[in-house]
């Protein structure tokens, strides 16, 4: 039995949309840039705009081992679909919207959590953990 948690939020970034897309879709560097959230990333294959990736995703105190398919829809959309592992059936979609001198990221996620992981019973803890991850991503984007 799994519990489904839907998470949606928006963030404003002081950067151009191409840079935002480059960072959010460059999951190859997540292990180096965000080790507290991605302790391990192994790219299994890359084909055109899609990649198959074995990754560890840590939200709050829980580390999920997953197999994810990443889809890059250049220049304004990145999707991660979990096709195997602890939270199979989950996804995170990032929509990148250019504004006048900034960029908006809309994050839509659906996390499919088995009861053995507590079933995301404390939704706000995991909502906050995902938002914290994006705050870190934005901090990296705005640094340069």
Protein backbone atom coordinates (compact mmCIF):
# COMPACT_ATOMS: atom_id res chain seq x y z
CA UNK A 1 0.00 0.00 0.00
CA UNK A 2 1.31 3.42 -1.00
CA UNK A 3 0.30 6.93 -0.15
CA UNK A 4 0.34 9.63 -2.79
CA UNK A 5 1.54 13.12 -1.93
CA UNK A 6 1.04 15.96 -4.40
CA UNK A 7 3.35 18.94 -4.03
CA UNK A 8 3.21 22.15 -6.07
CA UNK A 9 5.09 25.40 -5.55
CA UNK A 10 6.63 28.30 -7.45
CA UNK A 11 9.99 30.01 -7.05
CA UNK A 12 11.35 33.20 -8.61
CA UNK A 13 14.98 33.15 -9.73
CA UNK A 14 17.14 36.20 -10.46
CA UNK A 15 18.58 34.70 -13.63
CA UNK A 16 17.74 34.09 -17.25
CA UNK A 17 15.67 31.03 -18.21
CA UNK A 18 18.49 29.32 -20.13
CA UNK A 19 20.76 29.27 -17.07
CA UNK A 20 17.87 28.05 -14.90
CA UNK A 21 17.18 25.21 -17.35
CA UNK A 22 20.89 24.34 -17.58
CA UNK A 23 21.14 23.88 -13.80
CA UNK A 24 17.82 22.08 -13.10
CA UNK A 25 18.31 19.67 -16.00
CA UNK A 26 22.00 19.01 -15.30
CA UNK A 27 21.36 16.17 -12.83
CA UNK A 28 24.84 14.77 -13.61
CA UNK A 29 26.22 17.44 -11.26
CA UNK A 30 23.63 17.05 -8.49
CA UNK A 31 25.83 14.67 -6.48
CA UNK A 32 28.57 17.33 -6.41
CA UNK A 33 26.32 20.40 -6.03
CA UNK A 34 23.66 18.99 -3.67
CA UNK A 35 25.21 16.01 -1.82
CA UNK A 36 22.81 16.37 1.12
CA UNK A 37 19.92 15.60 -1.30
CA UNK A 38 21.68 13.42 -3.91
CA UNK A 39 24.37 11.31 -2.22
CA UNK A 40 24.74 9.13 -5.34
CA UNK A 41 23.95 9.48 -9.05
CA UNK A 42 24.93 6.95 -11.71
CA UNK A 43 23.95 7.63 -15.32
CA UNK A 44 22.98 4.36 -17.02
CA UNK A 45 22.19 5.69 -20.51
CA UNK A 46 21.57 8.88 -22.46
CA UNK A 47 19.49 9.02 -25.61
CA UNK A 48 18.53 12.30 -27.30
CA UNK A 49 16.57 14.26 -24.68
CA UNK A 50 16.14 11.38 -22.20
CA UNK A 51 18.42 9.72 -19.67
CA UNK A 52 18.15 6.69 -17.40
CA UNK A 53 19.69 7.37 -13.99
CA UNK A 54 20.19 5.35 -10.80
CA UNK A 55 20.04 7.80 -7.93
CA UNK A 56 19.68 8.21 -4.21
CA UNK A 57 17.30 11.03 -3.31
CA UNK A 58 17.27 12.16 0.31
CA UNK A 59 14.28 14.12 1.59
CA UNK A 60 14.20 15.02 5.27
CA UNK A 61 15.52 11.90 7.09
CA UNK A 62 14.64 9.39 4.37
CA UNK A 63 16.91 8.23 1.56
CA UNK A 64 15.13 6.73 -1.44
CA UNK A 65 16.99 4.49 -3.90
CA UNK A 66 15.41 4.96 -7.31
CA UNK A 67 15.75 4.42 -11.03
CA UNK A 68 14.59 7.54 -12.82
CA UNK A 69 14.04 8.57 -16.39
CA UNK A 70 14.83 12.24 -17.05
CA UNK A 71 13.31 14.09 -19.99
CA UNK A 72 14.61 17.46 -21.16
CA UNK A 73 12.19 19.52 -23.20
CA UNK A 74 14.52 22.32 -24.20
CA UNK A 75 14.34 25.09 -23.22
CA UNK A 76 11.61 25.27 -20.59
CA UNK A 77 10.67 21.91 -19.08
CA UNK A 78 12.45 19.07 -17.26
CA UNK A 79 10.72 15.91 -16.02
CA UNK A 80 11.93 13.17 -13.74
CA UNK A 81 9.79 10.01 -13.73
CA UNK A 82 10.62 7.30 -11.20
CA UNK A 83 10.37 3.96 -13.02
CA UNK A 84 11.82 1.72 -10.31
CA UNK A 85 12.88 1.58 -6.70
CA UNK A 86 11.53 2.90 -3.43
CA UNK A 87 9.11 5.51 -4.80
CA UNK A 88 8.24 3.98 -8.19
CA UNK A 89 5.47 5.89 -9.95
CA UNK A 90 6.54 9.28 -8.57
CA UNK A 91 7.48 12.27 -10.68
CA UNK A 92 8.83 15.82 -10.50
CA UNK A 93 8.13 18.29 -13.31
CA UNK A 94 9.89 21.65 -13.51
CA UNK A 95 8.37 24.30 -15.76
CA UNK A 96 10.58 27.29 -16.48
CA UNK A 97 8.79 30.51 -17.37
CA UNK A 98 10.69 33.62 -18.52
CA UNK A 99 9.67 36.86 -16.83
CA UNK A 100 10.92 40.34 -17.64
CA UNK A 101 14.26 40.17 -15.81
CA UNK A 102 13.80 36.98 -13.79
CA UNK A 103 12.55 33.43 -14.23
CA UNK A 104 9.76 31.53 -12.54
CA UNK A 105 10.09 27.81 -11.78
CA UNK A 106 6.88 25.92 -11.21
CA UNK A 107 7.48 22.56 -9.53
CA UNK A 108 4.82 19.87 -9.67
CA UNK A 109 5.57 16.62 -7.88
CA UNK A 110 3.69 13.50 -7.01
CA UNK A 111 5.46 11.24 -4.54
CA UNK A 112 4.24 7.65 -4.28
CA UNK A 113 5.51 6.44 -0.92
CA UNK A 114 5.17 2.91 0.48
CA UNK A 115 4.02 2.61 4.08
CA UNK A 116 7.41 1.13 5.05
CA UNK A 117 8.79 4.67 4.59
CA UNK A 118 6.12 6.15 6.81
CA UNK A 119 3.91 6.78 3.80
CA UNK A 120 4.66 10.50 3.84
CA UNK A 121 2.31 10.81 6.79
CA UNK A 122 4.03 14.07 7.71
CA UNK A 123 3.40 15.70 4.34
CA UNK A 124 4.58 19.14 5.42
CA UNK A 125 8.01 17.76 6.37
CA UNK A 126 8.56 16.38 2.86
CA UNK A 127 6.95 19.38 1.14
CA UNK A 128 9.42 21.55 3.02
CA UNK A 129 12.35 19.24 2.20
CA UNK A 130 11.55 19.45 -1.53
CA UNK A 131 11.20 23.25 -1.33
CA UNK A 132 14.51 23.42 0.55
CA UNK A 133 16.16 21.46 -2.28
CA UNK A 134 14.90 24.02 -4.80
CA UNK A 135 16.08 26.88 -2.58
CA UNK A 136 19.56 25.29 -2.77
CA UNK A 137 19.28 24.95 -6.56
CA UNK A 138 18.26 28.61 -6.85
CA UNK A 139 21.17 29.64 -4.65
CA UNK A 140 23.58 27.87 -7.07
CA UNK A 141 21.88 29.46 -10.10
CA UNK A 142 22.08 32.97 -8.63
CA UNK A 143 25.71 32.62 -7.47
CA UNK A 144 27.26 33.11 -10.90
